[in-house]
Amino acid sequence: MVLHVNLKSMPMSQTWSYTIPHLEILCHDIFLDSIIQLS
């Protein structure tokens, strides 16, 4: 369980700073795709 240990030793704020931008980009892409399909 090396991955689990690495995640625990990593600060939460650092993890979120990496995760949130990716989530926003993903949501944005899905949003654009749905608009393009609707129009």
Protein backbone atom coordinates (compact mmCIF):
# COMPACT_ATOMS: atom_id res chain seq x y z
CA MET A 1 0.00 0.00 0.00
CA VAL A 2 2.69 2.47 -0.99
CA LEU A 3 0.17 4.69 -2.76
CA HIS A 4 -1.92 5.01 0.38
CA VAL A 5 1.11 6.05 2.42
CA ASN A 6 2.10 8.60 -0.21
CA LEU A 7 -1.38 10.10 -0.20
CA LYS A 8 -1.39 10.33 3.60
CA SER A 9 2.02 11.99 3.77
CA MET A 10 0.98 14.53 1.15
CA PRO A 11 -0.64 17.71 2.51
CA MET A 12 -4.35 17.97 1.76
CA SER A 13 -4.07 21.51 0.43
CA GLN A 14 -1.49 20.39 -2.09
CA THR A 15 -3.71 17.54 -3.22
CA TRP A 16 -6.69 19.87 -3.64
CA SER A 17 -4.65 22.42 -5.56
CA TYR A 18 -3.93 19.70 -8.10
CA THR A 19 -7.40 18.16 -8.12
CA ILE A 20 -9.69 21.18 -8.33
CA PRO A 21 -8.28 22.65 -11.57
CA HIS A 22 -8.65 19.26 -13.25
CA LEU A 23 -12.24 18.99 -12.06
CA GLU A 24 -13.04 22.46 -13.39
CA ILE A 25 -11.50 21.64 -16.76
CA LEU A 26 -13.41 18.36 -16.91
CA CYS A 27 -16.73 20.03 -16.03
CA HIS A 28 -16.07 22.76 -18.57
CA ASP A 29 -15.44 20.20 -21.31
CA ILE A 30 -18.62 18.30 -20.48
CA PHE A 31 -20.58 21.55 -20.40
CA LEU A 32 -19.27 22.60 -23.81
CA ASP A 33 -19.97 19.17 -25.28
CA SER A 34 -23.58 19.24 -24.12
CA ILE A 35 -24.10 22.75 -25.55
CA ILE A 36 -22.64 21.73 -28.89
CA GLN A 37 -24.90 18.67 -29.03
CA LEU A 38 -27.98 20.71 -28.14
CA SER A 39 -27.45 23.40 -30.75
